[in-house]
Amino acid sequence: MMGEFRQVSPQKVVIDVVAPAFVREFCVTILNPALPVDHGVAVYYALAPFQEWSYVGQLSLNEPTNIFRAPWYGKIAPDVVGLQIGLSVETTAFLNNLRPVEMKQEEKTLEMASGIAKDLFQFMASFSQTTGQYQQLGDVLVIPTNCIDKWFEKFLTKHRMEPYFWMKPKG
C-alpha cells in the first residue's frame, strides 16, 4: 500500500488502498502507541462512497501489530479503485462488542451447515427401525444406498418452495 493516513476526525484516520482487489492481507502497526490503558484501535474498511464501514479487527497496547485477511479479497472487481482502511480509537469495552465481518460470515456458514445437517439427520432417522437381527442394539438405521440422493432431491424441492426453511425453529 502506498500513501499516508489522513486524519478525518480527532480519533479517526483513513488511508486509500491502491489496487484493493489484489490485496489478500494487510498489516497495521502502531509505532508509538500513546493510547489510554482502556482503549484500542478498531480497524475498518469501506468501499466508495465510504458510507458503510465494516469492522475487520483491532489493535491494542498488548498487540500493537496485527496482520488481517482482506475481507474484500475475491469479492470486488479488479478495477475497483475506491477502498479505504480506517482506524478509530475506541474504548476496550466498545471493541469487545464488535465482531469482524469474516467472523459474522463464518458464524452464518456454520449455522447454515448445522441446519442442513439436522435436516439430513431427520430424513435419515425416518429409516430407523427395530429389526430382529439387531434387536439387542435397539433402533438402527437401515438405509437404502440412494438415501443421500433422495434426501437431496427432497431438500431442493423444499428449498425452491421456501429458501432457508431449515433455519426456522421447529415447533
N, C-alpha and C. Protein backbone atom coordinates (compact mmCIF):
# COMPACT_ATOMS: atom_id res chain seq x y z
N MET A 1 0.83 -1.16 0.00
CA MET A 1 0.00 0.00 0.00
C MET A 1 0.89 1.24 0.00
N MET A 2 0.45 2.20 -0.73
CA MET A 2 1.20 3.44 -0.74
C MET A 2 0.30 4.54 -0.21
N GLY A 3 0.88 5.59 0.22
CA GLY A 3 0.09 6.70 0.71
C GLY A 3 0.26 6.86 2.21
N GLU A 4 -0.39 7.86 2.71
CA GLU A 4 -0.30 8.13 4.14
C GLU A 4 -1.70 8.25 4.70
N PHE A 5 -1.79 7.99 5.99
CA PHE A 5 -3.07 8.16 6.66
C PHE A 5 -3.43 9.64 6.71
N ARG A 6 -4.73 9.91 6.52
CA ARG A 6 -5.26 11.26 6.65
C ARG A 6 -6.18 11.29 7.86
N GLN A 7 -6.03 12.30 8.67
CA GLN A 7 -6.89 12.44 9.83
C GLN A 7 -8.23 13.01 9.38
N VAL A 8 -9.33 12.33 9.75
CA VAL A 8 -10.66 12.78 9.36
C VAL A 8 -11.49 13.26 10.55
N SER A 9 -11.01 12.96 11.74
CA SER A 9 -11.61 13.45 12.98
C SER A 9 -10.55 13.28 14.06
N PRO A 10 -10.77 13.82 15.26
CA PRO A 10 -9.74 13.72 16.29
C PRO A 10 -9.29 12.29 16.61
N GLN A 11 -10.19 11.31 16.41
CA GLN A 11 -9.83 9.93 16.77
C GLN A 11 -9.86 8.97 15.59
N LYS A 12 -9.93 9.50 14.36
CA LYS A 12 -10.04 8.63 13.19
C LYS A 12 -9.11 9.07 12.07
N VAL A 13 -8.51 8.05 11.43
CA VAL A 13 -7.67 8.28 10.25
C VAL A 13 -8.05 7.28 9.17
N VAL A 14 -7.78 7.62 7.91
CA VAL A 14 -8.06 6.72 6.79
C VAL A 14 -6.87 6.71 5.84
N ILE A 15 -6.80 5.64 5.06
CA ILE A 15 -5.79 5.55 4.01
C ILE A 15 -6.45 4.92 2.80
N ASP A 16 -6.10 5.41 1.61
CA ASP A 16 -6.61 4.83 0.37
C ASP A 16 -5.78 3.59 0.04
N VAL A 17 -6.45 2.55 -0.41
CA VAL A 17 -5.78 1.31 -0.78
C VAL A 17 -5.65 1.28 -2.29
N VAL A 18 -4.44 1.12 -2.77
CA VAL A 18 -4.16 1.05 -4.20
C VAL A 18 -4.39 -0.38 -4.66
N ALA A 19 -5.14 -0.55 -5.74
CA ALA A 19 -5.46 -1.87 -6.33
C ALA A 19 -5.97 -2.84 -5.26
N PRO A 20 -7.06 -2.51 -4.59
CA PRO A 20 -7.53 -3.33 -3.47
C PRO A 20 -7.93 -4.76 -3.84
N ALA A 21 -8.34 -5.00 -5.07
CA ALA A 21 -8.75 -6.35 -5.47
C ALA A 21 -7.61 -7.36 -5.37
N PHE A 22 -6.39 -6.87 -5.36
CA PHE A 22 -5.23 -7.77 -5.33
C PHE A 22 -4.62 -7.90 -3.94
N VAL A 23 -5.20 -7.23 -2.96
CA VAL A 23 -4.68 -7.27 -1.59
C VAL A 23 -5.36 -8.42 -0.85
N ARG A 24 -4.57 -9.43 -0.47
CA ARG A 24 -5.09 -10.58 0.28
C ARG A 24 -5.02 -10.34 1.79
N GLU A 25 -3.95 -9.70 2.21
CA GLU A 25 -3.73 -9.42 3.62
C GLU A 25 -3.12 -8.04 3.75
N PHE A 26 -3.28 -7.45 4.92
CA PHE A 26 -2.61 -6.19 5.19
C PHE A 26 -2.23 -6.16 6.66
N CYS A 27 -1.23 -5.36 6.95
CA CYS A 27 -0.70 -5.26 8.31
C CYS A 27 -0.84 -3.83 8.80
N VAL A 28 -1.23 -3.70 10.06
CA VAL A 28 -1.30 -2.38 10.68
C VAL A 28 -0.47 -2.43 11.95
N THR A 29 0.36 -1.41 12.13
CA THR A 29 1.23 -1.31 13.31
C THR A 29 1.10 0.08 13.91
N ILE A 30 0.96 0.11 15.22
CA ILE A 30 1.01 1.38 15.93
C ILE A 30 2.46 1.56 16.36
N LEU A 31 3.16 2.50 15.74
CA LEU A 31 4.58 2.66 16.01
C LEU A 31 4.87 3.26 17.38
N ASN A 32 4.16 4.27 17.75
CA ASN A 32 4.35 4.89 19.07
C ASN A 32 3.02 4.90 19.80
N PRO A 33 2.64 3.76 20.38
CA PRO A 33 1.32 3.69 21.00
C PRO A 33 1.18 4.65 22.18
N ALA A 34 0.33 5.61 22.01
CA ALA A 34 0.06 6.58 23.07
C ALA A 34 -1.42 6.50 23.42
N LEU A 35 -1.90 5.27 23.55
CA LEU A 35 -3.31 5.05 23.85
C LEU A 35 -3.53 5.01 25.36
N PRO A 36 -4.68 5.49 25.80
CA PRO A 36 -5.02 5.28 27.21
C PRO A 36 -5.12 3.77 27.47
N VAL A 37 -4.89 3.35 28.68
CA VAL A 37 -4.85 1.93 29.02
C VAL A 37 -6.14 1.21 28.64
N ASP A 38 -7.28 1.84 28.76
CA ASP A 38 -8.56 1.19 28.47
C ASP A 38 -9.07 1.46 27.06
N HIS A 39 -8.15 1.67 26.11
CA HIS A 39 -8.52 1.95 24.72
C HIS A 39 -7.74 1.05 23.76
N GLY A 40 -8.24 0.97 22.54
CA GLY A 40 -7.58 0.25 21.47
C GLY A 40 -7.91 0.93 20.17
N VAL A 41 -7.50 0.31 19.08
CA VAL A 41 -7.75 0.88 17.75
C VAL A 41 -8.57 -0.13 16.95
N ALA A 42 -9.73 0.32 16.50
CA ALA A 42 -10.57 -0.50 15.63
C ALA A 42 -10.11 -0.31 14.19
N VAL A 43 -10.06 -1.39 13.43
CA VAL A 43 -9.66 -1.35 12.03
C VAL A 43 -10.90 -1.67 11.19
N TYR A 44 -11.21 -0.78 10.25
CA TYR A 44 -12.38 -0.91 9.39
C TYR A 44 -11.96 -0.81 7.93
N TYR A 45 -12.88 -1.16 7.03
CA TYR A 45 -12.68 -0.84 5.61
C TYR A 45 -14.02 -0.42 5.03
N ALA A 46 -13.96 0.32 3.94
CA ALA A 46 -15.17 0.76 3.24
C ALA A 46 -14.86 0.93 1.76
N LEU A 47 -15.87 0.64 0.96
CA LEU A 47 -15.80 0.91 -0.47
C LEU A 47 -16.41 2.28 -0.71
N ALA A 48 -16.02 2.89 -1.84
CA ALA A 48 -16.59 4.19 -2.19
C ALA A 48 -18.10 4.04 -2.27
N PRO A 49 -18.85 4.97 -1.80
CA PRO A 49 -18.56 6.33 -1.36
C PRO A 49 -18.21 6.45 0.13
N PHE A 50 -17.78 5.37 0.74
CA PHE A 50 -17.28 5.36 2.12
C PHE A 50 -18.34 5.72 3.15
N GLN A 51 -19.54 5.21 2.94
CA GLN A 51 -20.64 5.45 3.87
C GLN A 51 -20.80 4.27 4.84
N GLU A 52 -20.53 3.05 4.37
CA GLU A 52 -20.70 1.85 5.20
C GLU A 52 -19.34 1.25 5.50
N TRP A 53 -18.96 1.28 6.77
CA TRP A 53 -17.67 0.77 7.20
C TRP A 53 -17.87 -0.59 7.86
N SER A 54 -17.02 -1.55 7.50
CA SER A 54 -17.07 -2.90 8.05
C SER A 54 -15.87 -3.12 8.97
N TYR A 55 -16.15 -3.63 10.14
CA TYR A 55 -15.10 -3.88 11.13
C TYR A 55 -14.28 -5.10 10.72
N VAL A 56 -12.96 -4.96 10.82
CA VAL A 56 -12.04 -6.04 10.45
C VAL A 56 -11.36 -6.64 11.67
N GLY A 57 -10.94 -5.81 12.61
CA GLY A 57 -10.23 -6.30 13.79
C GLY A 57 -9.73 -5.12 14.61
N GLN A 58 -8.79 -5.41 15.51
CA GLN A 58 -8.33 -4.35 16.41
C GLN A 58 -6.86 -4.48 16.77
N LEU A 59 -6.35 -3.39 17.31
CA LEU A 59 -5.00 -3.31 17.84
C LEU A 59 -5.13 -2.81 19.28
N SER A 60 -4.11 -3.10 20.09
CA SER A 60 -4.13 -2.64 21.47
C SER A 60 -2.70 -2.41 21.93
N LEU A 61 -2.57 -1.94 23.15
CA LEU A 61 -1.22 -1.77 23.70
C LEU A 61 -0.53 -3.12 23.81
N ASN A 62 -1.28 -4.17 24.09
CA ASN A 62 -0.70 -5.52 24.20
C ASN A 62 -0.41 -6.13 22.84
N GLU A 63 -1.11 -5.68 21.83
CA GLU A 63 -0.93 -6.20 20.48
C GLU A 63 -0.94 -5.03 19.49
N PRO A 64 0.17 -4.27 19.42
CA PRO A 64 0.22 -3.08 18.58
C PRO A 64 0.39 -3.36 17.08
N THR A 65 0.56 -4.63 16.72
CA THR A 65 0.70 -5.01 15.32
C THR A 65 -0.21 -6.20 15.05
N ASN A 66 -0.86 -6.16 13.90
CA ASN A 66 -1.71 -7.29 13.54
C ASN A 66 -1.75 -7.40 12.02
N ILE A 67 -1.81 -8.64 11.55
CA ILE A 67 -1.97 -8.91 10.12
C ILE A 67 -3.41 -9.36 9.94
N PHE A 68 -4.12 -8.72 9.01
CA PHE A 68 -5.52 -9.01 8.78
C PHE A 68 -5.72 -9.59 7.40
N ARG A 69 -6.62 -10.56 7.27
CA ARG A 69 -7.07 -11.01 5.96
C ARG A 69 -7.95 -9.92 5.39
N ALA A 70 -7.82 -9.64 4.12
CA ALA A 70 -8.65 -8.62 3.47
C ALA A 70 -10.02 -9.24 3.17
N PRO A 71 -11.06 -8.84 3.93
CA PRO A 71 -12.37 -9.45 3.73
C PRO A 71 -12.96 -9.19 2.35
N TRP A 72 -12.47 -8.21 1.66
CA TRP A 72 -12.98 -7.88 0.33
C TRP A 72 -12.31 -8.70 -0.76
N TYR A 73 -11.21 -9.42 -0.42
CA TYR A 73 -10.46 -10.16 -1.43
C TYR A 73 -11.36 -11.22 -2.09
N GLY A 74 -11.37 -11.21 -3.42
CA GLY A 74 -12.19 -12.16 -4.18
C GLY A 74 -13.64 -11.75 -4.29
N LYS A 75 -14.01 -10.61 -3.70
CA LYS A 75 -15.41 -10.17 -3.72
C LYS A 75 -15.61 -8.87 -4.48
N ILE A 76 -14.51 -8.23 -4.89
CA ILE A 76 -14.63 -6.99 -5.65
C ILE A 76 -13.94 -7.16 -7.00
N ALA A 77 -14.37 -6.36 -7.95
CA ALA A 77 -13.80 -6.42 -9.31
C ALA A 77 -12.37 -5.88 -9.32
N PRO A 78 -11.54 -6.38 -10.22
CA PRO A 78 -10.15 -5.91 -10.29
C PRO A 78 -10.00 -4.42 -10.56
N ASP A 79 -11.01 -3.80 -11.17
CA ASP A 79 -10.88 -2.38 -11.50
C ASP A 79 -11.40 -1.45 -10.39
N VAL A 80 -11.81 -1.99 -9.25
CA VAL A 80 -12.28 -1.14 -8.15
C VAL A 80 -11.11 -0.34 -7.60
N VAL A 81 -11.29 0.96 -7.53
CA VAL A 81 -10.21 1.81 -7.02
C VAL A 81 -10.58 2.48 -5.69
N GLY A 82 -11.85 2.53 -5.37
CA GLY A 82 -12.28 3.24 -4.18
C GLY A 82 -12.43 2.35 -2.97
N LEU A 83 -11.35 2.14 -2.23
CA LEU A 83 -11.41 1.39 -0.98
C LEU A 83 -10.50 2.09 0.02
N GLN A 84 -10.99 2.22 1.23
CA GLN A 84 -10.18 2.84 2.29
C GLN A 84 -10.15 1.93 3.51
N ILE A 85 -9.05 2.01 4.21
CA ILE A 85 -8.93 1.38 5.52
C ILE A 85 -8.97 2.52 6.52
N GLY A 86 -9.78 2.35 7.55
CA GLY A 86 -9.92 3.37 8.58
C GLY A 86 -9.53 2.83 9.94
N LEU A 87 -8.92 3.69 10.74
CA LEU A 87 -8.56 3.34 12.11
C LEU A 87 -9.28 4.31 13.03
N SER A 88 -9.81 3.77 14.12
CA SER A 88 -10.57 4.60 15.05
C SER A 88 -10.20 4.22 16.48
N VAL A 89 -9.82 5.19 17.29
CA VAL A 89 -9.51 4.94 18.70
C VAL A 89 -10.83 4.76 19.44
N GLU A 90 -10.97 3.64 20.13
CA GLU A 90 -12.21 3.29 20.83
C GLU A 90 -11.88 2.72 22.20
N THR A 91 -12.88 2.69 23.07
CA THR A 91 -12.68 2.07 24.39
C THR A 91 -12.60 0.56 24.21
N THR A 92 -11.93 -0.09 25.12
CA THR A 92 -11.82 -1.55 25.09
C THR A 92 -13.20 -2.19 25.20
N ALA A 93 -14.06 -1.62 26.04
CA ALA A 93 -15.43 -2.15 26.19
C ALA A 93 -16.16 -2.12 24.85
N PHE A 94 -16.03 -1.03 24.10
CA PHE A 94 -16.66 -0.92 22.79
C PHE A 94 -16.09 -1.96 21.83
N LEU A 95 -14.76 -2.08 21.81
CA LEU A 95 -14.10 -3.02 20.90
C LEU A 95 -14.49 -4.46 21.20
N ASN A 96 -14.68 -4.79 22.47
CA ASN A 96 -15.03 -6.17 22.84
C ASN A 96 -16.41 -6.58 22.34
N ASN A 97 -17.24 -5.62 21.96
CA ASN A 97 -18.58 -5.93 21.45
C ASN A 97 -18.64 -6.02 19.93
N LEU A 98 -17.55 -5.76 19.25
CA LEU A 98 -17.53 -5.81 17.79
C LEU A 98 -17.16 -7.21 17.31
N ARG A 99 -17.70 -7.61 16.17
CA ARG A 99 -17.37 -8.88 15.53
C ARG A 99 -16.91 -8.58 14.11
N PRO A 100 -15.75 -9.12 13.75
CA PRO A 100 -15.26 -8.88 12.38
C PRO A 100 -16.20 -9.42 11.33
N VAL A 101 -16.18 -8.80 10.16
CA VAL A 101 -17.02 -9.20 9.04
C VAL A 101 -16.82 -10.69 8.75
N GLU A 102 -15.60 -11.16 8.69
CA GLU A 102 -15.34 -12.56 8.38
C GLU A 102 -15.94 -13.47 9.42
N MET A 103 -15.87 -13.09 10.69
CA MET A 103 -16.42 -13.92 11.74
C MET A 103 -17.93 -14.03 11.60
N LYS A 104 -18.59 -12.94 11.27
CA LYS A 104 -20.04 -12.97 11.08
C LYS A 104 -20.38 -13.95 9.96
N GLN A 105 -19.64 -13.89 8.86
CA GLN A 105 -19.91 -14.78 7.75
C GLN A 105 -19.63 -16.23 8.15
N GLU A 106 -18.57 -16.46 8.90
CA GLU A 106 -18.24 -17.81 9.36
C GLU A 106 -19.35 -18.34 10.26
N GLU A 107 -19.88 -17.50 11.15
CA GLU A 107 -20.97 -17.92 12.02
C GLU A 107 -22.21 -18.27 11.21
N LYS A 108 -22.51 -17.48 10.18
CA LYS A 108 -23.65 -17.77 9.32
C LYS A 108 -23.45 -19.10 8.60
N THR A 109 -22.24 -19.32 8.10
CA THR A 109 -21.94 -20.56 7.39
C THR A 109 -22.11 -21.76 8.32
N LEU A 110 -21.60 -21.66 9.55
CA LEU A 110 -21.74 -22.76 10.50
C LEU A 110 -23.21 -23.00 10.85
N GLU A 111 -23.97 -21.93 11.01
CA GLU A 111 -25.40 -22.06 11.31
C GLU A 111 -26.11 -22.74 10.15
N MET A 112 -25.75 -22.36 8.93
CA MET A 112 -26.36 -22.98 7.75
C MET A 112 -26.01 -24.46 7.69
N ALA A 113 -24.75 -24.79 7.89
CA ALA A 113 -24.31 -26.19 7.83
C ALA A 113 -25.03 -27.01 8.90
N SER A 114 -25.17 -26.44 10.08
CA SER A 114 -25.85 -27.14 11.17
C SER A 114 -27.31 -27.41 10.81
N GLY A 115 -28.00 -26.41 10.25
CA GLY A 115 -29.39 -26.59 9.86
C GLY A 115 -29.56 -27.65 8.78
N ILE A 116 -28.67 -27.64 7.82
CA ILE A 116 -28.73 -28.62 6.73
C ILE A 116 -28.43 -30.01 7.28
N ALA A 117 -27.44 -30.13 8.16
CA ALA A 117 -27.10 -31.43 8.75
C ALA A 117 -28.27 -31.98 9.58
N LYS A 118 -28.96 -31.10 10.31
CA LYS A 118 -30.13 -31.54 11.09
C LYS A 118 -31.23 -32.06 10.17
N ASP A 119 -31.45 -31.37 9.06
CA ASP A 119 -32.45 -31.82 8.11
C ASP A 119 -32.07 -33.20 7.55
N LEU A 120 -30.82 -33.40 7.21
CA LEU A 120 -30.35 -34.69 6.72
C LEU A 120 -30.54 -35.77 7.79
N PHE A 121 -30.17 -35.46 9.03
CA PHE A 121 -30.32 -36.43 10.11
C PHE A 121 -31.79 -36.83 10.29
N GLN A 122 -32.69 -35.84 10.28
CA GLN A 122 -34.11 -36.13 10.45
C GLN A 122 -34.63 -37.02 9.31
N PHE A 123 -34.16 -36.75 8.11
CA PHE A 123 -34.56 -37.57 6.98
C PHE A 123 -34.06 -39.00 7.16
N MET A 124 -32.80 -39.14 7.53
CA MET A 124 -32.23 -40.48 7.70
C MET A 124 -32.86 -41.20 8.89
N ALA A 125 -33.22 -40.45 9.93
CA ALA A 125 -33.85 -41.07 11.10
C ALA A 125 -35.20 -41.68 10.75
N SER A 126 -35.83 -41.20 9.65
CA SER A 126 -37.11 -41.77 9.25
C SER A 126 -36.95 -43.23 8.80
N PHE A 127 -35.73 -43.67 8.56
CA PHE A 127 -35.48 -45.05 8.18
C PHE A 127 -35.21 -45.94 9.40
N SER A 128 -35.24 -45.35 10.59
CA SER A 128 -34.95 -46.08 11.82
C SER A 128 -35.98 -47.19 12.03
N GLN A 129 -35.50 -48.33 12.43
CA GLN A 129 -36.40 -49.44 12.71
C GLN A 129 -35.74 -50.43 13.64
N THR A 130 -36.55 -51.21 14.27
CA THR A 130 -36.04 -52.28 15.11
C THR A 130 -36.14 -53.55 14.29
N THR A 131 -35.04 -54.24 14.14
CA THR A 131 -35.06 -55.47 13.36
C THR A 131 -34.72 -56.63 14.28
N GLY A 132 -35.17 -57.78 13.90
CA GLY A 132 -34.88 -58.97 14.69
C GLY A 132 -33.39 -59.24 14.78
N GLN A 133 -32.70 -59.01 13.68
CA GLN A 133 -31.27 -59.30 13.62
C GLN A 133 -30.46 -58.43 14.57
N TYR A 134 -30.87 -57.16 14.75
CA TYR A 134 -30.12 -56.23 15.59
C TYR A 134 -30.92 -55.82 16.83
N GLN A 135 -31.88 -56.64 17.28
CA GLN A 135 -32.78 -56.27 18.36
C GLN A 135 -32.03 -55.86 19.62
N GLN A 136 -30.90 -56.51 19.91
CA GLN A 136 -30.13 -56.15 21.11
C GLN A 136 -29.55 -54.74 21.02
N LEU A 137 -29.45 -54.18 19.83
CA LEU A 137 -28.94 -52.83 19.65
C LEU A 137 -30.02 -51.76 19.76
N GLY A 138 -31.30 -52.17 19.74
CA GLY A 138 -32.37 -51.18 19.74
C GLY A 138 -32.61 -50.69 18.33
N ASP A 139 -33.02 -49.42 18.21
CA ASP A 139 -33.28 -48.86 16.89
C ASP A 139 -31.98 -48.73 16.11
N VAL A 140 -32.02 -49.12 14.86
CA VAL A 140 -30.86 -48.97 13.98
C VAL A 140 -31.35 -48.32 12.69
N LEU A 141 -30.42 -47.73 11.98
CA LEU A 141 -30.74 -47.16 10.68
C LEU A 141 -30.49 -48.21 9.62
N VAL A 142 -31.51 -48.52 8.87
CA VAL A 142 -31.38 -49.40 7.72
C VAL A 142 -31.75 -48.52 6.55
N ILE A 143 -30.74 -48.04 5.85
CA ILE A 143 -30.99 -47.05 4.82
C ILE A 143 -30.67 -47.60 3.44
N PRO A 144 -31.46 -47.16 2.47
CA PRO A 144 -31.15 -47.57 1.10
C PRO A 144 -29.87 -46.88 0.62
N THR A 145 -29.22 -47.46 -0.31
CA THR A 145 -27.96 -46.89 -0.79
C THR A 145 -28.14 -45.53 -1.46
N ASN A 146 -29.33 -45.23 -1.93
CA ASN A 146 -29.58 -43.93 -2.57
C ASN A 146 -30.21 -42.94 -1.59
N CYS A 147 -30.05 -43.14 -0.31
CA CYS A 147 -30.65 -42.30 0.72
C CYS A 147 -30.25 -40.83 0.57
N ILE A 148 -28.96 -40.57 0.37
CA ILE A 148 -28.49 -39.19 0.25
C ILE A 148 -29.08 -38.54 -1.00
N ASP A 149 -29.18 -39.28 -2.10
CA ASP A 149 -29.78 -38.74 -3.32
C ASP A 149 -31.24 -38.37 -3.08
N LYS A 150 -32.00 -39.27 -2.41
CA LYS A 150 -33.41 -38.98 -2.11
C LYS A 150 -33.53 -37.75 -1.23
N TRP A 151 -32.68 -37.68 -0.20
CA TRP A 151 -32.72 -36.53 0.70
C TRP A 151 -32.43 -35.24 -0.06
N PHE A 152 -31.41 -35.26 -0.92
CA PHE A 152 -31.03 -34.05 -1.64
C PHE A 152 -32.16 -33.59 -2.56
N GLU A 153 -32.84 -34.53 -3.23
CA GLU A 153 -33.98 -34.16 -4.07
C GLU A 153 -35.06 -33.49 -3.23
N LYS A 154 -35.35 -34.08 -2.07
CA LYS A 154 -36.36 -33.53 -1.17
C LYS A 154 -35.93 -32.16 -0.65
N PHE A 155 -34.64 -32.03 -0.31
CA PHE A 155 -34.10 -30.76 0.18
C PHE A 155 -34.25 -29.67 -0.88
N LEU A 156 -33.90 -29.99 -2.11
CA LEU A 156 -34.01 -29.00 -3.20
C LEU A 156 -35.46 -28.58 -3.42
N THR A 157 -36.38 -29.53 -3.34
CA THR A 157 -37.81 -29.20 -3.50
C THR A 157 -38.26 -28.25 -2.41
N LYS A 158 -37.92 -28.56 -1.15
CA LYS A 158 -38.29 -27.68 -0.04
C LYS A 158 -37.62 -26.31 -0.19
N HIS A 159 -36.37 -26.31 -0.62
CA HIS A 159 -35.62 -25.05 -0.77
C HIS A 159 -36.25 -24.16 -1.85
N ARG A 160 -36.72 -24.77 -2.95
CA ARG A 160 -37.36 -24.00 -4.01
C ARG A 160 -38.64 -23.34 -3.50
N MET A 161 -39.38 -24.07 -2.65
CA MET A 161 -40.63 -23.53 -2.11
C MET A 161 -40.39 -22.48 -1.03
N GLU A 162 -39.35 -22.70 -0.22
CA GLU A 162 -39.06 -21.78 0.88
C GLU A 162 -37.56 -21.82 1.20
N PRO A 163 -36.76 -20.93 0.57
CA PRO A 163 -35.33 -20.91 0.86
C PRO A 163 -35.11 -20.71 2.36
N TYR A 164 -34.13 -21.37 2.87
CA TYR A 164 -33.75 -21.27 4.28
C TYR A 164 -34.80 -21.86 5.22
N PHE A 165 -35.62 -22.81 4.72
CA PHE A 165 -36.61 -23.46 5.57
C PHE A 165 -35.96 -24.13 6.77
N TRP A 166 -34.76 -24.58 6.62
CA TRP A 166 -34.05 -25.30 7.68
C TRP A 166 -33.59 -24.40 8.81
N MET A 167 -33.70 -23.08 8.62
CA MET A 167 -33.31 -22.15 9.69
C MET A 167 -34.48 -21.83 10.62
N LYS A 168 -35.70 -22.21 10.21
CA LYS A 168 -36.86 -21.92 11.03
C LYS A 168 -36.88 -22.85 12.24
N PRO A 169 -37.20 -22.31 13.40
CA PRO A 169 -37.28 -23.17 14.58
C PRO A 169 -38.42 -24.18 14.41
N LYS A 170 -38.17 -25.40 14.81
CA LYS A 170 -39.19 -26.44 14.74
C LYS A 170 -40.10 -26.27 15.96
N GLY A 171 -41.39 -26.41 15.76
CA GLY A 171 -42.25 -26.25 16.91
C GLY A 171 -43.62 -26.44 16.61
